[in-house]
Every structure is written in structure tokens, then in C-alpha cells.
N, C-alpha and C. Protein backbone atom coordinates (compact mmCIF):
# COMPACT_ATOMS: atom_id res chain seq x y z
N MET A 1 -16.13 0.03 -1.49
CA MET A 1 -14.86 -0.68 -1.62
C MET A 1 -13.87 0.09 -2.20
N SER A 2 -12.53 0.37 -1.41
CA SER A 2 -11.30 1.14 -1.91
C SER A 2 -10.42 0.48 -2.71
N LYS A 3 -9.43 1.02 -3.27
CA LYS A 3 -8.57 0.69 -4.17
C LYS A 3 -7.31 -0.04 -3.42
N TYR A 4 -7.31 -1.28 -3.88
CA TYR A 4 -6.08 -2.00 -3.43
C TYR A 4 -5.37 -2.84 -4.26
N ALA A 5 -4.32 -3.71 -3.78
CA ALA A 5 -3.41 -4.52 -4.77
C ALA A 5 -2.80 -5.58 -4.05
N ILE A 6 -2.37 -6.78 -4.80
CA ILE A 6 -1.71 -7.61 -3.98
C ILE A 6 -0.28 -7.72 -4.94
N ILE A 7 0.58 -7.36 -3.96
CA ILE A 7 1.94 -7.33 -4.55
C ILE A 7 2.71 -8.51 -4.05
N GLU A 8 3.76 -8.88 -4.82
CA GLU A 8 4.65 -9.90 -4.39
C GLU A 8 6.18 -9.26 -4.38
N THR A 9 6.65 -9.50 -3.27
CA THR A 9 7.98 -9.17 -2.69
C THR A 9 8.59 -10.04 -1.84
N GLY A 10 9.94 -10.60 -2.07
CA GLY A 10 10.73 -11.31 -1.11
C GLY A 10 10.07 -12.89 -1.08
N GLY A 11 9.27 -13.27 -2.02
CA GLY A 11 8.64 -14.46 -2.14
C GLY A 11 7.45 -14.64 -1.45
N LYS A 12 7.01 -13.53 -1.18
CA LYS A 12 5.54 -13.63 -0.09
C LYS A 12 4.79 -12.38 -1.10
N GLN A 13 3.62 -12.65 -0.72
CA GLN A 13 2.58 -11.75 -1.21
C GLN A 13 1.86 -10.95 0.10
N TYR A 14 1.52 -9.70 -0.05
CA TYR A 14 0.82 -8.71 0.65
C TYR A 14 -0.21 -8.03 -0.13
N ARG A 15 -1.29 -7.81 0.87
CA ARG A 15 -2.41 -7.02 0.32
C ARG A 15 -2.43 -5.49 0.75
N VAL A 16 -2.16 -4.75 -0.09
CA VAL A 16 -1.86 -3.02 0.39
C VAL A 16 -2.87 -2.19 -0.36
N GLN A 17 -3.12 -1.29 0.45
CA GLN A 17 -3.68 0.05 0.14
C GLN A 17 -3.04 1.10 0.39
N GLU A 18 -3.41 2.31 -0.12
CA GLU A 18 -2.78 3.69 -0.10
C GLU A 18 -2.87 3.88 1.65
N GLY A 19 -1.49 4.41 2.00
CA GLY A 19 -1.44 4.64 3.54
C GLY A 19 -1.17 3.46 4.37
N ASP A 20 -0.95 2.29 3.89
CA ASP A 20 -0.69 1.12 4.56
C ASP A 20 1.03 1.21 4.97
N GLU A 21 1.35 0.69 6.18
CA GLU A 21 2.69 0.57 6.78
C GLU A 21 2.93 -0.93 6.74
N LEU A 22 3.85 -1.56 6.10
CA LEU A 22 4.07 -2.88 6.40
C LEU A 22 5.58 -3.41 6.19
N ASP A 23 6.06 -4.54 6.91
CA ASP A 23 7.44 -4.77 6.93
C ASP A 23 7.58 -6.08 5.88
N VAL A 24 8.48 -5.62 5.09
CA VAL A 24 8.78 -6.60 3.99
C VAL A 24 10.43 -7.17 4.08
N GLU A 25 10.60 -8.05 3.26
CA GLU A 25 12.00 -8.50 3.31
C GLU A 25 12.98 -7.27 2.82
N LEU A 26 14.18 -7.55 3.43
CA LEU A 26 15.16 -6.31 3.12
C LEU A 26 15.45 -5.91 1.80
N LEU A 27 15.12 -4.55 1.51
CA LEU A 27 15.38 -3.96 0.16
C LEU A 27 16.49 -3.11 0.03
N GLU A 28 17.07 -3.09 -0.97
CA GLU A 28 18.23 -2.00 -1.10
C GLU A 28 17.72 -0.69 -1.79
N ALA A 29 16.96 0.17 -1.07
CA ALA A 29 16.33 1.21 -1.46
C ALA A 29 16.73 2.32 -0.61
N ALA A 30 16.91 3.72 -1.03
CA ALA A 30 17.16 4.60 0.01
C ALA A 30 15.90 5.55 0.37
N ASN A 31 15.19 6.15 -0.41
CA ASN A 31 13.91 6.96 0.35
C ASN A 31 12.56 6.28 -0.41
N THR A 32 12.59 5.88 -1.64
CA THR A 32 11.28 5.48 -2.56
C THR A 32 11.64 4.23 -3.12
N PHE A 33 10.64 3.26 -3.35
CA PHE A 33 10.78 2.08 -3.86
C PHE A 33 9.38 1.74 -4.69
N THR A 34 9.58 1.17 -5.94
CA THR A 34 8.53 0.85 -6.62
C THR A 34 8.24 -0.65 -6.92
N PHE A 35 7.29 -0.90 -6.54
CA PHE A 35 6.90 -2.52 -6.47
C PHE A 35 6.34 -2.72 -8.10
N ASP A 36 6.89 -3.58 -8.94
CA ASP A 36 6.37 -3.79 -10.14
C ASP A 36 5.69 -5.43 -10.67
N LYS A 37 5.71 -6.01 -9.33
CA LYS A 37 5.23 -7.31 -9.54
C LYS A 37 3.76 -7.50 -8.86
N ILE A 38 2.69 -6.99 -9.54
CA ILE A 38 1.54 -6.79 -8.98
C ILE A 38 0.61 -7.84 -9.63
N LEU A 39 -0.02 -8.50 -8.73
CA LEU A 39 -0.61 -9.92 -9.04
C LEU A 39 -2.07 -9.57 -9.29
N LEU A 40 -2.76 -8.61 -8.59
CA LEU A 40 -4.24 -8.35 -8.75
C LEU A 40 -4.12 -6.75 -8.32
N VAL A 41 -5.13 -6.13 -9.12
CA VAL A 41 -5.48 -4.79 -8.60
C VAL A 41 -7.10 -4.69 -8.68
N HIS A 42 -7.61 -4.08 -7.54
CA HIS A 42 -8.93 -3.70 -7.41
C HIS A 42 -9.14 -2.32 -7.25
N ASP A 43 -9.85 -1.65 -8.12
CA ASP A 43 -10.08 -0.29 -8.36
C ASP A 43 -11.41 0.32 -7.66
N GLY A 44 -12.08 -0.63 -6.92
CA GLY A 44 -13.40 -0.25 -6.10
C GLY A 44 -14.45 -0.82 -6.89
N SER A 45 -14.46 -1.03 -8.31
CA SER A 45 -15.55 -1.78 -8.92
C SER A 45 -15.34 -2.88 -9.78
N ALA A 46 -14.12 -3.07 -10.19
CA ALA A 46 -13.64 -4.25 -10.91
C ALA A 46 -12.40 -4.45 -10.61
N ALA A 47 -11.88 -5.87 -10.81
CA ALA A 47 -10.62 -6.41 -10.55
C ALA A 47 -9.91 -6.73 -11.70
N LYS A 48 -8.41 -6.60 -11.89
CA LYS A 48 -7.80 -6.91 -12.81
C LYS A 48 -6.69 -7.82 -12.24
N VAL A 49 -6.79 -9.21 -12.88
CA VAL A 49 -5.94 -10.30 -12.44
C VAL A 49 -4.71 -10.40 -13.49
N GLY A 50 -3.42 -10.57 -13.04
CA GLY A 50 -2.29 -10.81 -13.83
C GLY A 50 -2.18 -12.19 -14.23
N LEU A 51 -1.51 -12.52 -15.10
CA LEU A 51 -1.21 -13.84 -15.73
C LEU A 51 0.46 -13.71 -16.06
N PRO A 52 1.29 -13.98 -15.04
CA PRO A 52 0.81 -13.99 -13.51
C PRO A 52 0.95 -12.37 -12.97
N TYR A 53 1.59 -11.56 -13.55
CA TYR A 53 1.36 -9.92 -13.30
C TYR A 53 0.66 -8.96 -14.09
N VAL A 54 -0.13 -8.14 -13.59
CA VAL A 54 -0.79 -7.26 -14.13
C VAL A 54 0.26 -6.25 -14.90
N PRO A 55 0.17 -5.96 -16.47
CA PRO A 55 0.89 -5.01 -17.11
C PRO A 55 0.66 -3.79 -16.87
N ASN A 56 1.47 -2.93 -16.95
CA ASN A 56 1.46 -1.58 -16.66
C ASN A 56 0.66 -0.98 -15.40
N CYS A 57 1.33 -1.66 -14.21
CA CYS A 57 0.56 -1.32 -13.06
C CYS A 57 1.93 -1.36 -12.05
N THR A 58 2.15 -0.18 -11.25
CA THR A 58 2.97 -0.20 -10.32
C THR A 58 2.44 0.42 -8.98
N VAL A 59 2.96 -0.19 -7.92
CA VAL A 59 2.88 0.60 -6.49
C VAL A 59 3.80 1.19 -6.04
N HIS A 60 3.77 2.60 -5.66
CA HIS A 60 4.87 3.30 -5.27
C HIS A 60 4.78 3.22 -3.66
N ALA A 61 5.98 3.34 -3.09
CA ALA A 61 6.11 3.28 -1.62
C ALA A 61 7.33 4.05 -1.20
N GLU A 62 7.23 4.59 0.13
CA GLU A 62 8.08 5.54 0.77
C GLU A 62 8.84 4.51 1.81
N VAL A 63 10.17 4.32 1.77
CA VAL A 63 10.89 3.68 2.76
C VAL A 63 11.09 4.36 3.99
N LEU A 64 10.64 3.89 5.04
CA LEU A 64 10.37 4.36 6.47
C LEU A 64 11.76 3.96 7.22
N GLY A 65 12.46 3.08 7.01
CA GLY A 65 13.38 2.44 7.65
C GLY A 65 13.83 1.03 7.68
N GLN A 66 14.80 0.67 8.43
CA GLN A 66 15.13 -0.88 8.53
C GLN A 66 14.80 -1.08 9.86
N THR A 67 14.25 -2.51 10.06
CA THR A 67 13.99 -3.20 11.48
C THR A 67 14.51 -4.42 11.34
N LYS A 68 14.37 -4.91 12.53
CA LYS A 68 14.84 -6.52 12.78
C LYS A 68 13.76 -7.24 13.46
N GLY A 69 13.31 -8.18 12.95
CA GLY A 69 12.28 -9.24 13.58
C GLY A 69 12.64 -9.89 14.88
N PRO A 70 11.81 -10.74 15.48
CA PRO A 70 12.22 -11.22 16.79
C PRO A 70 13.35 -12.24 16.63
N LYS A 71 13.99 -12.49 17.73
CA LYS A 71 15.02 -13.42 17.90
C LYS A 71 14.46 -14.82 17.70
N VAL A 72 14.95 -15.78 16.63
CA VAL A 72 14.39 -17.01 16.58
C VAL A 72 15.75 -17.95 17.18
N ILE A 73 15.62 -18.90 18.04
CA ILE A 73 16.42 -19.90 18.42
C ILE A 73 16.60 -21.13 17.90
N ALA A 74 17.67 -21.74 17.51
CA ALA A 74 17.70 -23.04 17.08
C ALA A 74 18.83 -23.77 17.86
N PHE A 75 18.14 -24.76 18.60
CA PHE A 75 19.18 -25.32 19.60
C PHE A 75 19.09 -26.94 19.14
N LYS A 76 20.34 -27.53 19.06
CA LYS A 76 20.64 -29.02 18.69
C LYS A 76 21.10 -29.47 19.81
N TYR A 77 20.62 -30.86 20.17
CA TYR A 77 21.03 -31.46 21.42
C TYR A 77 21.11 -32.95 21.28
N LYS A 78 21.92 -33.55 21.77
CA LYS A 78 22.03 -35.12 21.80
C LYS A 78 22.28 -35.76 23.08
N LYS A 79 21.32 -36.20 23.51
CA LYS A 79 21.68 -36.91 25.06
C LYS A 79 22.52 -37.81 25.15
N CYS A 80 23.27 -37.63 26.27
CA CYS A 80 24.56 -38.86 26.55
C CYS A 80 25.77 -38.61 25.76
N LYS A 81 25.77 -37.59 25.07
CA LYS A 81 27.17 -37.13 23.92
C LYS A 81 27.58 -35.96 24.32
N ASN A 82 27.23 -35.14 24.99
CA ASN A 82 27.55 -33.83 25.31
C ASN A 82 27.74 -32.93 24.07
N TYR A 83 26.67 -33.02 23.24
CA TYR A 83 26.58 -32.16 22.15
C TYR A 83 25.48 -31.16 22.28
N ARG A 84 25.96 -30.02 22.21
CA ARG A 84 24.86 -28.85 22.14
C ARG A 84 25.27 -27.93 21.44
N ARG A 85 24.47 -27.22 20.50
CA ARG A 85 24.73 -26.27 19.67
C ARG A 85 23.46 -25.26 19.64
N LEU A 86 23.82 -23.95 19.88
CA LEU A 86 22.78 -22.83 20.04
C LEU A 86 23.22 -21.78 18.86
N VAL A 87 22.03 -21.51 18.21
CA VAL A 87 22.26 -20.59 17.06
C VAL A 87 20.98 -19.52 17.14
N GLY A 88 21.43 -18.26 17.00
CA GLY A 88 20.26 -17.36 17.10
C GLY A 88 20.15 -16.60 15.80
N HIS A 89 19.03 -16.09 15.36
CA HIS A 89 18.76 -15.35 14.13
C HIS A 89 17.74 -14.25 14.31
N ARG A 90 18.15 -13.24 13.61
CA ARG A 90 17.15 -12.10 13.61
C ARG A 90 16.96 -11.46 12.16
N GLN A 91 15.81 -11.69 11.64
CA GLN A 91 15.64 -11.36 10.20
C GLN A 91 15.71 -9.91 10.01
N LYS A 92 16.33 -9.33 9.08
CA LYS A 92 16.27 -7.99 8.83
C LYS A 92 14.95 -7.67 7.89
N TYR A 93 14.39 -6.48 8.34
CA TYR A 93 13.16 -6.14 7.08
C TYR A 93 13.41 -4.61 6.77
N THR A 94 12.44 -4.21 5.74
CA THR A 94 12.36 -2.85 5.27
C THR A 94 11.05 -2.35 5.74
N ARG A 95 10.75 -1.39 6.37
CA ARG A 95 9.46 -0.79 6.88
C ARG A 95 9.13 0.15 5.81
N VAL A 96 8.08 -0.11 4.72
CA VAL A 96 7.63 0.99 3.88
C VAL A 96 6.09 1.26 3.98
N LYS A 97 5.91 2.55 3.54
CA LYS A 97 4.52 2.94 3.44
C LYS A 97 4.05 3.29 2.08
N ILE A 98 2.76 2.58 1.81
CA ILE A 98 2.24 2.64 0.43
C ILE A 98 1.73 4.17 0.21
N LYS A 99 2.41 4.83 -1.14
CA LYS A 99 1.94 5.89 -1.11
C LYS A 99 0.78 6.08 -2.35
N ALA A 100 1.10 5.31 -3.37
CA ALA A 100 0.12 5.37 -4.58
C ALA A 100 0.04 3.92 -5.31
N ILE A 101 -1.05 3.73 -5.98
CA ILE A 101 -1.41 2.41 -6.81
C ILE A 101 -1.40 3.10 -8.18
N ALA A 102 -0.58 2.77 -8.97
CA ALA A 102 -0.78 3.50 -10.24
C ALA A 102 -1.34 2.34 -11.28
N VAL A 103 -2.47 2.58 -11.86
CA VAL A 103 -2.85 1.68 -13.11
C VAL A 103 -2.92 2.26 -14.37
N ALA A 104 -2.39 1.88 -15.32
CA ALA A 104 -2.22 2.38 -16.62
C ALA A 104 -3.38 2.03 -17.67
């Protein structure tokens, strides 16, 4: 079994390994980003579980760019009242590539 970690960012949890690419909520970062809210680390033989976070553990990632998710349509309608409201939304994401999982 390979080394993996469960990180928390943007109110969501992700299971990541070295080399993974994933889209997370928009981050204000230029080239690299360090995740410090690590919930669990498994190094191949044993797991370390945080209470709530694992101390002295970080996940280093490279920022690949910004993307947008699919358009979500919100449409309100009331019959017989000529009431119609159409609102669209596209969530912004940051695409990151996991470089290293550092456990001290």
C-alpha cells in the first residue's frame, strides 16, 4: 500500500497521493501551496490519525491553474403571476498537483 493522506480544504475532505491532480476550492496561491490541515496520514504500514489534525505534517502541492466548474441554473417560477427569475453560477476551482507528503 502506498503513502496517502486525507486533507481538508474549502470545507471538503480529499484523499490524496503523490502525483494526484485534483480541483479544490479557489486558493490564493501563485506557484506552490502547502496544506497544513491533515486529518490522516498512512505511510504504507501504519496510520496516524489527528485530533482533529495530525501535528507536524504537511502536504506540498504545485498550482497548475484556475478552472471553472459546470454552469448551475437556478430558476424561480410562479404560475399565473408572470414571475420568472433565472440565475446562473459557475464555481471557480484551483487545479493542484500533489508533490510530497511530509511527516515529521
